[in-house]
């Protein structure tokens, strides 16, 4: 999950970006308010005055971060919708009103005089398939016994390349199934070299 990281006494250390659209500004109604008013109230009075002088440069609704197609974008908004007075910056580059900018992990964002860092957790390159893992574990156990019987294609069930490399190859043969109602169907049996085939 992406987040904004602040190093200001009047802000929380981290703000997760949990919505598709996150507003940032001085209004308490913003998703991320600058300052965090609960923390601001706990500051000494003299420090509150200094912070208040800085925060007049942050618009009531300053900027918006949106998530689209797995990517994050930032736009300068402004309270009236015509852009903030003191600007929104990405890596010290001021955003042009009406245009969005894609942001990446490690980018420095600035809303007027207040700066933060955008951080994003990298998604796994190839999320594992739980069903596939279970099927492989089940086949590992059955192959360790020396035989697999199935009507499904062997290449799909045993991952032949993997087992050829490990076991030096496997063999399969067709044999009739003498079962009532089977209609003389053929069953495919795979066994490892040197293993005793089932029923043999």
N, C-alpha and C. Protein backbone atom coordinates (compact mmCIF):
# COMPACT_ATOMS: atom_id res chain seq x y z
N UNK A 1 0.84 -1.21 0.00
CA UNK A 1 0.00 0.00 0.00
C UNK A 1 0.87 1.25 0.00
N UNK A 2 0.44 2.26 -0.72
CA UNK A 2 1.19 3.51 -0.79
C UNK A 2 0.87 4.38 0.43
N UNK A 3 1.79 5.29 0.73
CA UNK A 3 1.60 6.17 1.88
C UNK A 3 2.43 7.43 1.72
N UNK A 4 2.06 8.44 2.50
CA UNK A 4 2.84 9.67 2.58
C UNK A 4 3.53 9.71 3.93
N UNK A 5 4.82 10.03 3.93
CA UNK A 5 5.62 10.05 5.15
C UNK A 5 6.02 11.49 5.44
N UNK A 6 5.65 11.97 6.62
CA UNK A 6 5.96 13.35 7.03
C UNK A 6 6.97 13.34 8.17
N UNK A 7 7.72 14.43 8.26
CA UNK A 7 8.65 14.63 9.38
C UNK A 7 8.36 15.99 10.03
N UNK A 8 7.14 16.17 10.37
CA UNK A 8 6.70 17.42 11.00
C UNK A 8 6.06 17.10 12.34
N UNK A 9 6.29 17.95 13.33
CA UNK A 9 5.71 17.73 14.66
C UNK A 9 4.20 17.81 14.65
N UNK A 10 3.64 18.54 13.71
CA UNK A 10 2.19 18.72 13.68
C UNK A 10 1.48 17.73 12.75
N UNK A 11 2.22 16.69 12.28
CA UNK A 11 1.64 15.68 11.40
C UNK A 11 1.92 14.28 11.94
N UNK A 12 1.04 13.34 11.59
CA UNK A 12 1.35 11.94 11.88
C UNK A 12 2.55 11.52 11.04
N UNK A 13 3.32 10.53 11.50
CA UNK A 13 4.48 10.10 10.70
C UNK A 13 4.09 9.53 9.34
N UNK A 14 2.97 8.81 9.27
CA UNK A 14 2.57 8.16 8.02
C UNK A 14 1.07 8.30 7.80
N UNK A 15 0.71 8.42 6.52
CA UNK A 15 -0.69 8.46 6.11
C UNK A 15 -0.90 7.49 4.95
N UNK A 16 -1.52 6.34 5.22
CA UNK A 16 -1.79 5.39 4.13
C UNK A 16 -2.77 5.98 3.13
N UNK A 17 -2.54 5.72 1.86
CA UNK A 17 -3.45 6.18 0.81
C UNK A 17 -4.42 5.05 0.52
N UNK A 18 -5.51 5.00 1.27
CA UNK A 18 -6.45 3.88 1.23
C UNK A 18 -7.60 4.10 0.25
N UNK A 19 -7.74 5.31 -0.26
CA UNK A 19 -8.85 5.62 -1.16
C UNK A 19 -8.36 5.81 -2.59
N UNK A 20 -9.30 5.75 -3.51
CA UNK A 20 -8.95 6.02 -4.91
C UNK A 20 -8.68 7.51 -5.13
N UNK A 21 -9.24 8.35 -4.26
CA UNK A 21 -9.01 9.79 -4.35
C UNK A 21 -8.79 10.33 -2.94
N UNK A 22 -7.65 10.97 -2.72
CA UNK A 22 -7.29 11.49 -1.40
C UNK A 22 -7.03 12.98 -1.50
N UNK A 23 -7.78 13.76 -0.74
CA UNK A 23 -7.60 15.21 -0.74
C UNK A 23 -6.65 15.62 0.38
N UNK A 24 -5.85 16.65 0.11
CA UNK A 24 -4.85 17.13 1.06
C UNK A 24 -5.00 18.64 1.18
N UNK A 25 -5.11 19.12 2.40
CA UNK A 25 -5.26 20.56 2.59
C UNK A 25 -5.41 20.93 4.04
N UNK A 26 -5.68 22.21 4.28
CA UNK A 26 -5.75 22.74 5.64
C UNK A 26 -7.10 22.49 6.32
N UNK A 27 -8.11 22.18 5.55
CA UNK A 27 -9.43 21.93 6.13
C UNK A 27 -9.44 20.61 6.89
N UNK A 28 -10.08 20.57 8.06
CA UNK A 28 -10.17 19.30 8.80
C UNK A 28 -10.93 18.22 8.02
N UNK A 29 -11.78 18.62 7.07
CA UNK A 29 -12.55 17.66 6.29
C UNK A 29 -11.72 16.96 5.21
N UNK A 30 -10.52 17.42 4.96
CA UNK A 30 -9.67 16.76 3.97
C UNK A 30 -9.25 15.38 4.48
N UNK A 31 -9.00 14.48 3.55
CA UNK A 31 -8.55 13.14 3.95
C UNK A 31 -7.24 13.21 4.72
N UNK A 32 -6.34 14.09 4.29
CA UNK A 32 -5.11 14.36 5.03
C UNK A 32 -5.08 15.86 5.32
N UNK A 33 -5.32 16.20 6.56
CA UNK A 33 -5.36 17.62 6.92
C UNK A 33 -3.98 18.08 7.37
N UNK A 34 -3.60 19.26 6.92
CA UNK A 34 -2.34 19.89 7.30
C UNK A 34 -2.67 21.19 8.05
N UNK A 35 -2.51 21.18 9.40
CA UNK A 35 -1.87 20.16 10.23
C UNK A 35 -2.88 19.09 10.68
N UNK A 36 -2.36 18.07 11.37
CA UNK A 36 -3.22 17.18 12.13
C UNK A 36 -3.60 17.95 13.40
N UNK A 37 -4.87 18.30 13.50
CA UNK A 37 -5.27 19.25 14.55
C UNK A 37 -5.14 18.67 15.95
N UNK A 38 -5.25 17.37 16.09
CA UNK A 38 -5.06 16.77 17.41
C UNK A 38 -3.61 16.94 17.88
N UNK A 39 -2.67 16.74 16.98
CA UNK A 39 -1.26 16.92 17.33
C UNK A 39 -0.92 18.41 17.47
N UNK A 40 -1.54 19.22 16.64
CA UNK A 40 -1.27 20.66 16.69
C UNK A 40 -1.66 21.25 18.04
N UNK A 41 -2.78 20.78 18.61
CA UNK A 41 -3.25 21.32 19.89
C UNK A 41 -2.30 20.99 21.03
N UNK A 42 -1.51 19.94 20.88
CA UNK A 42 -0.60 19.51 21.95
C UNK A 42 0.73 20.24 21.90
N UNK A 43 0.96 21.04 20.87
CA UNK A 43 2.22 21.77 20.76
C UNK A 43 2.22 22.95 21.73
N UNK A 44 3.40 23.38 22.18
CA UNK A 44 3.47 24.60 23.01
C UNK A 44 2.91 25.80 22.25
N UNK A 45 2.39 26.74 22.98
CA UNK A 45 1.71 27.89 22.37
C UNK A 45 2.63 28.65 21.42
N UNK A 46 3.86 28.85 21.81
CA UNK A 46 4.79 29.59 20.96
C UNK A 46 5.03 28.83 19.65
N UNK A 47 5.16 27.52 19.74
CA UNK A 47 5.38 26.72 18.54
C UNK A 47 4.13 26.69 17.67
N UNK A 48 2.98 26.72 18.29
CA UNK A 48 1.73 26.78 17.52
C UNK A 48 1.68 28.04 16.65
N UNK A 49 2.14 29.14 17.19
CA UNK A 49 2.13 30.39 16.44
C UNK A 49 3.08 30.31 15.25
N UNK A 50 4.26 29.71 15.46
CA UNK A 50 5.20 29.58 14.36
C UNK A 50 4.65 28.67 13.26
N UNK A 51 4.02 27.58 13.66
CA UNK A 51 3.45 26.65 12.69
C UNK A 51 2.32 27.32 11.92
N UNK A 52 1.49 28.08 12.64
CA UNK A 52 0.35 28.74 11.99
C UNK A 52 0.82 29.71 10.91
N UNK A 53 1.95 30.37 11.15
CA UNK A 53 2.48 31.29 10.15
C UNK A 53 2.92 30.55 8.89
N UNK A 54 3.42 29.33 9.05
CA UNK A 54 3.81 28.54 7.89
C UNK A 54 2.59 28.02 7.13
N UNK A 55 1.58 27.62 7.89
CA UNK A 55 0.46 26.91 7.27
C UNK A 55 -0.51 27.83 6.53
N UNK A 56 -0.34 29.14 6.63
CA UNK A 56 -1.19 30.02 5.83
C UNK A 56 -0.88 29.85 4.34
N UNK A 57 0.27 29.23 4.04
CA UNK A 57 0.64 28.99 2.64
C UNK A 57 0.09 27.67 2.10
N UNK A 58 -0.66 26.96 2.94
CA UNK A 58 -1.33 25.73 2.51
C UNK A 58 -2.80 26.05 2.29
N UNK A 59 -3.30 25.77 1.10
CA UNK A 59 -4.71 26.06 0.79
C UNK A 59 -5.63 25.13 1.58
N UNK A 60 -6.86 25.55 1.74
CA UNK A 60 -7.83 24.73 2.48
C UNK A 60 -8.03 23.38 1.79
N UNK A 61 -8.09 23.37 0.48
CA UNK A 61 -8.02 22.13 -0.30
C UNK A 61 -6.87 22.35 -1.27
N UNK A 62 -5.75 21.73 -1.00
CA UNK A 62 -4.52 22.07 -1.72
C UNK A 62 -4.28 21.18 -2.94
N UNK A 63 -4.34 19.86 -2.73
CA UNK A 63 -4.00 18.93 -3.80
C UNK A 63 -4.82 17.66 -3.66
N UNK A 64 -4.73 16.82 -4.69
CA UNK A 64 -5.46 15.54 -4.69
C UNK A 64 -4.56 14.46 -5.28
N UNK A 65 -4.54 13.31 -4.62
CA UNK A 65 -3.82 12.14 -5.13
C UNK A 65 -4.86 11.09 -5.51
N UNK A 66 -4.74 10.57 -6.72
CA UNK A 66 -5.70 9.58 -7.21
C UNK A 66 -4.96 8.30 -7.62
N UNK A 67 -5.69 7.20 -7.51
CA UNK A 67 -5.17 5.90 -7.92
C UNK A 67 -5.95 5.45 -9.15
N UNK A 68 -5.21 5.16 -10.23
CA UNK A 68 -5.83 4.73 -11.47
C UNK A 68 -4.96 3.68 -12.14
N UNK A 69 -5.56 2.53 -12.42
CA UNK A 69 -4.85 1.42 -13.10
C UNK A 69 -3.56 1.05 -12.38
N UNK A 70 -3.62 1.07 -11.04
CA UNK A 70 -2.46 0.68 -10.26
C UNK A 70 -1.37 1.73 -10.15
N UNK A 71 -1.61 2.94 -10.66
CA UNK A 71 -0.63 4.02 -10.61
C UNK A 71 -1.21 5.20 -9.85
N UNK A 72 -0.32 5.97 -9.22
CA UNK A 72 -0.75 7.12 -8.42
C UNK A 72 -0.40 8.41 -9.16
N UNK A 73 -1.36 9.34 -9.10
CA UNK A 73 -1.20 10.63 -9.76
C UNK A 73 -1.55 11.74 -8.76
N UNK A 74 -0.87 12.86 -8.90
CA UNK A 74 -1.13 14.00 -8.05
C UNK A 74 -1.51 15.20 -8.91
N UNK A 75 -2.41 16.02 -8.40
CA UNK A 75 -2.85 17.22 -9.13
C UNK A 75 -2.99 18.37 -8.14
N UNK A 76 -2.64 19.54 -8.59
CA UNK A 76 -2.83 20.76 -7.81
C UNK A 76 -4.28 21.19 -7.97
N UNK A 77 -4.99 21.38 -6.86
CA UNK A 77 -6.44 21.64 -6.93
C UNK A 77 -6.77 23.08 -6.55
N UNK A 78 -6.49 23.45 -5.29
CA UNK A 78 -6.87 24.77 -4.82
C UNK A 78 -8.28 24.77 -4.28
N UNK A 79 -8.55 25.66 -3.34
CA UNK A 79 -9.86 25.70 -2.69
C UNK A 79 -10.97 26.00 -3.67
N UNK A 80 -10.75 26.89 -4.60
CA UNK A 80 -11.79 27.26 -5.58
C UNK A 80 -11.74 26.39 -6.82
N UNK A 81 -10.82 25.43 -6.85
CA UNK A 81 -10.69 24.56 -8.02
C UNK A 81 -9.86 25.17 -9.13
N UNK A 82 -9.18 26.28 -8.85
CA UNK A 82 -8.37 26.94 -9.87
C UNK A 82 -6.89 26.89 -9.55
N UNK A 83 -6.50 25.95 -8.69
CA UNK A 83 -5.08 25.82 -8.34
C UNK A 83 -4.79 26.50 -7.01
N UNK A 84 -3.84 25.92 -6.28
CA UNK A 84 -3.47 26.49 -4.99
C UNK A 84 -2.62 27.75 -5.18
N UNK A 85 -2.65 28.62 -4.17
CA UNK A 85 -1.93 29.89 -4.28
C UNK A 85 -0.42 29.69 -4.28
N UNK A 86 0.07 28.78 -3.44
CA UNK A 86 1.51 28.62 -3.28
C UNK A 86 2.05 27.34 -3.94
N UNK A 87 1.20 26.64 -4.65
CA UNK A 87 1.67 25.56 -5.51
C UNK A 87 1.89 24.21 -4.85
N UNK A 88 1.86 23.20 -5.71
CA UNK A 88 2.17 21.82 -5.33
C UNK A 88 3.40 21.41 -6.13
N UNK A 89 4.36 20.79 -5.47
CA UNK A 89 5.64 20.47 -6.10
C UNK A 89 5.94 18.98 -6.00
N UNK A 90 6.54 18.45 -7.06
CA UNK A 90 7.03 17.07 -7.08
C UNK A 90 8.50 17.13 -7.40
N UNK A 91 9.33 16.75 -6.43
CA UNK A 91 10.79 16.84 -6.59
C UNK A 91 11.21 18.24 -7.03
N UNK A 92 10.63 19.24 -6.35
CA UNK A 92 10.94 20.66 -6.56
C UNK A 92 10.46 21.20 -7.91
N UNK A 93 9.65 20.43 -8.63
CA UNK A 93 9.07 20.91 -9.88
C UNK A 93 7.61 21.26 -9.62
N UNK A 94 7.25 22.51 -9.90
CA UNK A 94 5.89 22.97 -9.63
C UNK A 94 4.92 22.39 -10.66
N UNK A 95 3.79 21.88 -10.15
CA UNK A 95 2.79 21.31 -11.04
C UNK A 95 1.98 22.41 -11.70
N UNK A 96 1.68 22.20 -12.94
CA UNK A 96 0.82 23.13 -13.66
C UNK A 96 -0.63 22.80 -13.37
N UNK A 97 -1.41 23.82 -13.10
CA UNK A 97 -2.81 23.58 -12.77
C UNK A 97 -3.53 22.93 -13.96
N UNK A 98 -4.38 21.96 -13.64
CA UNK A 98 -5.15 21.28 -14.68
C UNK A 98 -4.48 20.04 -15.23
N UNK A 99 -3.25 19.79 -14.80
CA UNK A 99 -2.53 18.60 -15.27
C UNK A 99 -2.16 17.72 -14.09
N UNK A 100 -2.20 16.41 -14.32
CA UNK A 100 -1.81 15.46 -13.28
C UNK A 100 -0.40 14.95 -13.56
N UNK A 101 0.26 14.54 -12.51
CA UNK A 101 1.62 14.04 -12.61
C UNK A 101 1.70 12.68 -11.91
N UNK A 102 2.24 11.70 -12.61
CA UNK A 102 2.41 10.39 -11.98
C UNK A 102 3.54 10.46 -10.97
N UNK A 103 3.32 9.87 -9.81
CA UNK A 103 4.35 9.87 -8.76
C UNK A 103 4.82 8.45 -8.50
N UNK A 104 6.07 8.35 -8.10
CA UNK A 104 6.70 7.05 -7.90
C UNK A 104 7.33 6.98 -6.51
N UNK A 105 7.69 5.77 -6.13
CA UNK A 105 8.28 5.55 -4.82
C UNK A 105 9.52 6.43 -4.63
N UNK A 106 9.55 7.14 -3.50
CA UNK A 106 10.68 7.99 -3.18
C UNK A 106 10.55 9.43 -3.63
N UNK A 107 9.49 9.77 -4.36
CA UNK A 107 9.30 11.16 -4.80
C UNK A 107 9.02 12.06 -3.60
N UNK A 108 9.57 13.27 -3.67
CA UNK A 108 9.33 14.27 -2.63
C UNK A 108 8.20 15.19 -3.08
N UNK A 109 7.17 15.27 -2.26
CA UNK A 109 6.01 16.12 -2.56
C UNK A 109 6.02 17.30 -1.60
N UNK A 110 5.58 18.44 -2.09
CA UNK A 110 5.52 19.63 -1.24
C UNK A 110 4.23 20.38 -1.50
N UNK A 111 3.54 20.67 -0.40
CA UNK A 111 2.29 21.43 -0.45
C UNK A 111 2.55 22.76 0.22
N UNK A 112 2.83 23.79 -0.60
CA UNK A 112 3.29 25.05 -0.03
C UNK A 112 4.62 24.81 0.64
N UNK A 113 4.74 25.04 1.98
CA UNK A 113 6.01 24.82 2.66
C UNK A 113 6.13 23.44 3.32
N UNK A 114 5.10 22.61 3.24
CA UNK A 114 5.09 21.33 3.96
C UNK A 114 5.48 20.21 2.99
N UNK A 115 6.53 19.49 3.37
CA UNK A 115 7.06 18.46 2.49
C UNK A 115 6.82 17.07 3.07
N UNK A 116 6.69 16.09 2.18
CA UNK A 116 6.55 14.69 2.57
C UNK A 116 7.17 13.82 1.48
N UNK A 117 7.23 12.52 1.73
CA UNK A 117 7.80 11.57 0.79
C UNK A 117 6.74 10.53 0.44
N UNK A 118 6.60 10.26 -0.84
CA UNK A 118 5.66 9.22 -1.30
C UNK A 118 6.39 7.88 -1.30
N UNK A 119 5.80 6.91 -0.61
CA UNK A 119 6.38 5.57 -0.56
C UNK A 119 5.33 4.55 -0.98
N UNK A 120 5.79 3.57 -1.74
CA UNK A 120 4.88 2.54 -2.24
C UNK A 120 5.53 1.18 -2.09
N UNK A 121 4.79 0.24 -1.49
CA UNK A 121 5.27 -1.13 -1.35
C UNK A 121 5.22 -1.80 -2.71
N UNK A 122 6.31 -2.45 -3.09
CA UNK A 122 6.36 -3.12 -4.39
C UNK A 122 5.49 -4.37 -4.36
N UNK A 123 4.58 -4.55 -5.34
CA UNK A 123 3.77 -5.76 -5.39
C UNK A 123 4.62 -6.95 -5.80
N UNK A 124 4.22 -8.18 -5.41
CA UNK A 124 4.98 -9.36 -5.84
C UNK A 124 4.97 -9.50 -7.34
N UNK A 125 6.12 -9.90 -7.91
CA UNK A 125 6.24 -10.00 -9.36
C UNK A 125 5.27 -11.01 -9.94
N UNK A 126 5.21 -12.20 -9.35
CA UNK A 126 4.30 -13.25 -9.80
C UNK A 126 3.60 -13.85 -8.59
N UNK A 127 2.42 -13.34 -8.25
CA UNK A 127 1.72 -13.87 -7.08
C UNK A 127 1.49 -15.37 -7.23
N UNK A 128 1.88 -16.17 -6.24
CA UNK A 128 1.73 -17.61 -6.36
C UNK A 128 0.27 -18.02 -6.38
N UNK A 129 0.00 -19.09 -7.12
CA UNK A 129 -1.36 -19.62 -7.21
C UNK A 129 -1.48 -20.74 -6.18
N UNK A 130 -2.38 -20.53 -5.20
CA UNK A 130 -2.49 -21.49 -4.10
C UNK A 130 -2.94 -22.85 -4.59
N UNK A 131 -3.86 -22.89 -5.55
CA UNK A 131 -4.30 -24.18 -6.07
C UNK A 131 -3.16 -24.92 -6.74
N UNK A 132 -2.35 -24.19 -7.49
CA UNK A 132 -1.23 -24.82 -8.17
C UNK A 132 -0.23 -25.37 -7.18
N UNK A 133 0.03 -24.63 -6.08
CA UNK A 133 0.95 -25.11 -5.07
C UNK A 133 0.44 -26.39 -4.43
N UNK A 134 -0.87 -26.42 -4.10
CA UNK A 134 -1.44 -27.61 -3.48
C UNK A 134 -1.36 -28.80 -4.43
N UNK A 135 -1.64 -28.57 -5.72
CA UNK A 135 -1.60 -29.65 -6.68
C UNK A 135 -0.18 -30.19 -6.82
N UNK A 136 0.82 -29.32 -6.80
CA UNK A 136 2.20 -29.78 -6.91
C UNK A 136 2.61 -30.58 -5.69
N UNK A 137 2.20 -30.12 -4.49
CA UNK A 137 2.55 -30.87 -3.29
C UNK A 137 1.90 -32.26 -3.32
N UNK A 138 0.65 -32.32 -3.77
CA UNK A 138 -0.04 -33.60 -3.84
C UNK A 138 0.67 -34.53 -4.83
N UNK A 139 1.08 -34.01 -5.97
CA UNK A 139 1.78 -34.82 -6.96
C UNK A 139 3.16 -35.25 -6.48
N UNK A 140 3.81 -34.36 -5.68
CA UNK A 140 5.10 -34.75 -5.12
C UNK A 140 4.96 -36.00 -4.26
N UNK A 141 3.91 -36.01 -3.43
CA UNK A 141 3.71 -37.17 -2.56
C UNK A 141 3.41 -38.43 -3.37
N UNK A 142 2.60 -38.28 -4.42
CA UNK A 142 2.24 -39.45 -5.22
C UNK A 142 3.41 -39.94 -6.07
N UNK A 143 4.24 -38.99 -6.54
CA UNK A 143 5.40 -39.41 -7.30
C UNK A 143 6.44 -40.10 -6.43
N UNK A 144 6.50 -39.67 -5.16
CA UNK A 144 7.45 -40.32 -4.26
C UNK A 144 7.09 -41.78 -4.05
N UNK A 145 5.79 -42.13 -4.22
CA UNK A 145 5.38 -43.52 -4.12
C UNK A 145 5.69 -44.28 -5.40
N UNK A 146 6.07 -43.57 -6.47
CA UNK A 146 6.51 -44.22 -7.71
C UNK A 146 5.45 -44.33 -8.76
N UNK A 147 4.22 -43.84 -8.53
CA UNK A 147 3.20 -44.00 -9.54
C UNK A 147 2.14 -42.92 -9.42
N UNK A 148 1.62 -42.52 -10.57
CA UNK A 148 0.48 -41.61 -10.64
C UNK A 148 -0.51 -42.19 -11.62
N UNK A 149 -1.76 -42.26 -11.25
CA UNK A 149 -2.79 -42.72 -12.16
C UNK A 149 -3.79 -41.60 -12.33
N UNK A 150 -4.04 -41.23 -13.55
CA UNK A 150 -4.99 -40.17 -13.83
C UNK A 150 -5.43 -40.25 -15.27
N UNK A 151 -6.62 -39.70 -15.53
CA UNK A 151 -7.09 -39.61 -16.90
C UNK A 151 -6.72 -38.28 -17.52
N UNK A 152 -6.14 -37.37 -16.74
CA UNK A 152 -5.72 -36.07 -17.25
C UNK A 152 -4.38 -36.20 -17.93
N UNK A 153 -4.04 -35.26 -18.84
CA UNK A 153 -2.73 -35.30 -19.51
C UNK A 153 -1.61 -35.25 -18.50
N UNK A 154 -0.61 -36.09 -18.71
CA UNK A 154 0.50 -36.16 -17.76
C UNK A 154 1.28 -34.85 -17.69
N UNK A 155 1.41 -34.18 -18.84
CA UNK A 155 2.22 -32.97 -18.86
C UNK A 155 1.64 -31.91 -17.94
N UNK A 156 0.30 -31.88 -17.79
CA UNK A 156 -0.31 -30.89 -16.94
C UNK A 156 -0.21 -31.28 -15.47
N UNK A 157 -0.31 -32.56 -15.17
CA UNK A 157 -0.40 -32.97 -13.78
C UNK A 157 0.94 -33.14 -13.11
N UNK A 158 1.94 -33.57 -13.86
CA UNK A 158 3.23 -33.89 -13.25
C UNK A 158 4.30 -32.86 -13.53
N UNK A 159 3.99 -31.83 -14.35
CA UNK A 159 4.99 -30.82 -14.68
C UNK A 159 6.26 -31.52 -15.16
N UNK A 160 6.17 -32.17 -16.31
CA UNK A 160 7.17 -33.13 -16.75
C UNK A 160 8.57 -32.56 -16.80
N UNK A 161 8.73 -31.30 -17.19
CA UNK A 161 10.08 -30.75 -17.27
C UNK A 161 10.76 -30.74 -15.91
N UNK A 162 9.95 -30.42 -14.90
CA UNK A 162 10.51 -30.38 -13.55
C UNK A 162 10.98 -31.75 -13.11
N UNK A 163 10.16 -32.79 -13.36
CA UNK A 163 10.50 -34.12 -12.89
C UNK A 163 11.53 -34.82 -13.79
N UNK A 164 11.56 -34.44 -15.07
CA UNK A 164 12.63 -34.98 -15.92
C UNK A 164 13.98 -34.55 -15.38
N UNK A 165 14.03 -33.30 -14.96
CA UNK A 165 15.30 -32.78 -14.47
C UNK A 165 15.67 -33.44 -13.15
N UNK A 166 14.67 -33.66 -12.28
CA UNK A 166 14.95 -34.21 -10.97
C UNK A 166 15.19 -35.72 -11.01
N UNK A 167 14.36 -36.43 -11.76
CA UNK A 167 14.41 -37.88 -11.74
C UNK A 167 15.07 -38.49 -12.99
N UNK A 168 15.47 -37.65 -13.92
CA UNK A 168 16.07 -38.17 -15.14
C UNK A 168 15.04 -38.70 -16.10
N UNK A 169 13.79 -38.23 -15.98
CA UNK A 169 12.73 -38.63 -16.91
C UNK A 169 11.78 -39.63 -16.29
N UNK A 170 10.58 -39.72 -16.83
CA UNK A 170 9.64 -40.73 -16.40
C UNK A 170 8.98 -41.33 -17.63
N UNK A 171 8.36 -42.46 -17.44
CA UNK A 171 7.74 -43.17 -18.54
C UNK A 171 6.27 -43.38 -18.24
N UNK A 172 5.49 -43.55 -19.27
CA UNK A 172 4.09 -43.86 -19.07
C UNK A 172 3.67 -44.92 -20.06
N UNK A 173 2.63 -45.61 -19.72
CA UNK A 173 2.12 -46.66 -20.58
C UNK A 173 0.61 -46.71 -20.47
N UNK A 174 -0.01 -47.29 -21.47
CA UNK A 174 -1.46 -47.48 -21.46
C UNK A 174 -1.76 -48.92 -21.05
N UNK A 175 -2.78 -49.07 -20.21
CA UNK A 175 -3.22 -50.40 -19.86
C UNK A 175 -4.72 -50.38 -19.66
N UNK A 176 -5.42 -51.47 -19.97
CA UNK A 176 -6.87 -51.50 -19.84
C UNK A 176 -7.29 -51.53 -18.39
N UNK A 177 -8.44 -50.92 -18.14
CA UNK A 177 -9.02 -50.94 -16.80
C UNK A 177 -10.16 -51.93 -16.80
N UNK A 178 -10.04 -52.99 -16.02
CA UNK A 178 -11.07 -54.01 -15.97
C UNK A 178 -11.99 -53.72 -14.80
N UNK A 179 -12.86 -52.76 -15.05
CA UNK A 179 -13.79 -52.37 -14.00
C UNK A 179 -15.18 -52.38 -14.59
N UNK A 180 -16.13 -52.85 -13.83
CA UNK A 180 -17.49 -52.98 -14.33
C UNK A 180 -18.03 -51.59 -14.65
N UNK A 181 -18.52 -51.42 -15.84
CA UNK A 181 -19.04 -50.12 -16.27
C UNK A 181 -17.99 -49.23 -16.87
N UNK A 182 -16.74 -49.67 -16.89
CA UNK A 182 -15.69 -48.83 -17.46
C UNK A 182 -15.73 -48.83 -18.96
N UNK A 183 -16.39 -49.81 -19.56
CA UNK A 183 -16.51 -49.84 -21.01
C UNK A 183 -15.19 -50.07 -21.70
N UNK A 184 -14.31 -50.79 -21.04
CA UNK A 184 -13.02 -51.07 -21.68
C UNK A 184 -12.16 -49.84 -21.85
N UNK A 185 -12.39 -48.82 -20.98
CA UNK A 185 -11.63 -47.58 -21.10
C UNK A 185 -10.17 -47.83 -20.78
N UNK A 186 -9.34 -46.96 -21.31
CA UNK A 186 -7.90 -47.08 -21.06
C UNK A 186 -7.51 -46.08 -19.99
N UNK A 187 -6.63 -46.49 -19.12
CA UNK A 187 -6.12 -45.61 -18.07
C UNK A 187 -4.66 -45.33 -18.33
N UNK A 188 -4.26 -44.11 -18.08
CA UNK A 188 -2.86 -43.72 -18.29
C UNK A 188 -2.12 -43.81 -16.97
N UNK A 189 -1.01 -44.52 -16.98
CA UNK A 189 -0.23 -44.70 -15.75
C UNK A 189 1.18 -44.20 -15.99
N UNK A 190 1.65 -43.38 -15.05
CA UNK A 190 3.02 -42.88 -15.14
C UNK A 190 3.81 -43.43 -13.98
N UNK A 191 5.01 -43.86 -14.25
CA UNK A 191 5.84 -44.34 -13.15
C UNK A 191 7.28 -43.95 -13.44
N UNK A 192 8.01 -43.82 -12.37
CA UNK A 192 9.40 -43.42 -12.48
C UNK A 192 10.25 -44.59 -12.93
N UNK A 193 11.38 -44.31 -13.55
CA UNK A 193 12.28 -45.40 -13.96
C UNK A 193 12.66 -46.24 -12.76
N UNK A 194 12.49 -47.56 -12.91
CA UNK A 194 12.86 -48.47 -11.84
C UNK A 194 11.77 -48.72 -10.84
N UNK A 195 10.64 -47.95 -10.91
CA UNK A 195 9.54 -48.14 -9.97
C UNK A 195 8.62 -49.22 -10.49
N UNK A 196 7.94 -49.89 -9.60
CA UNK A 196 7.04 -50.96 -9.98
C UNK A 196 5.70 -50.36 -10.37
N UNK A 197 5.21 -50.59 -11.59
CA UNK A 197 3.91 -50.03 -11.97
C UNK A 197 2.81 -50.57 -11.10
N UNK A 198 1.72 -49.81 -10.96
CA UNK A 198 0.61 -50.20 -10.13
C UNK A 198 -0.03 -51.44 -10.71
N UNK A 199 -0.31 -52.41 -9.89
CA UNK A 199 -0.97 -53.62 -10.32
C UNK A 199 -0.05 -54.57 -11.04
N UNK A 200 1.25 -54.27 -11.15
CA UNK A 200 2.18 -55.10 -11.90
C UNK A 200 2.96 -56.05 -11.03
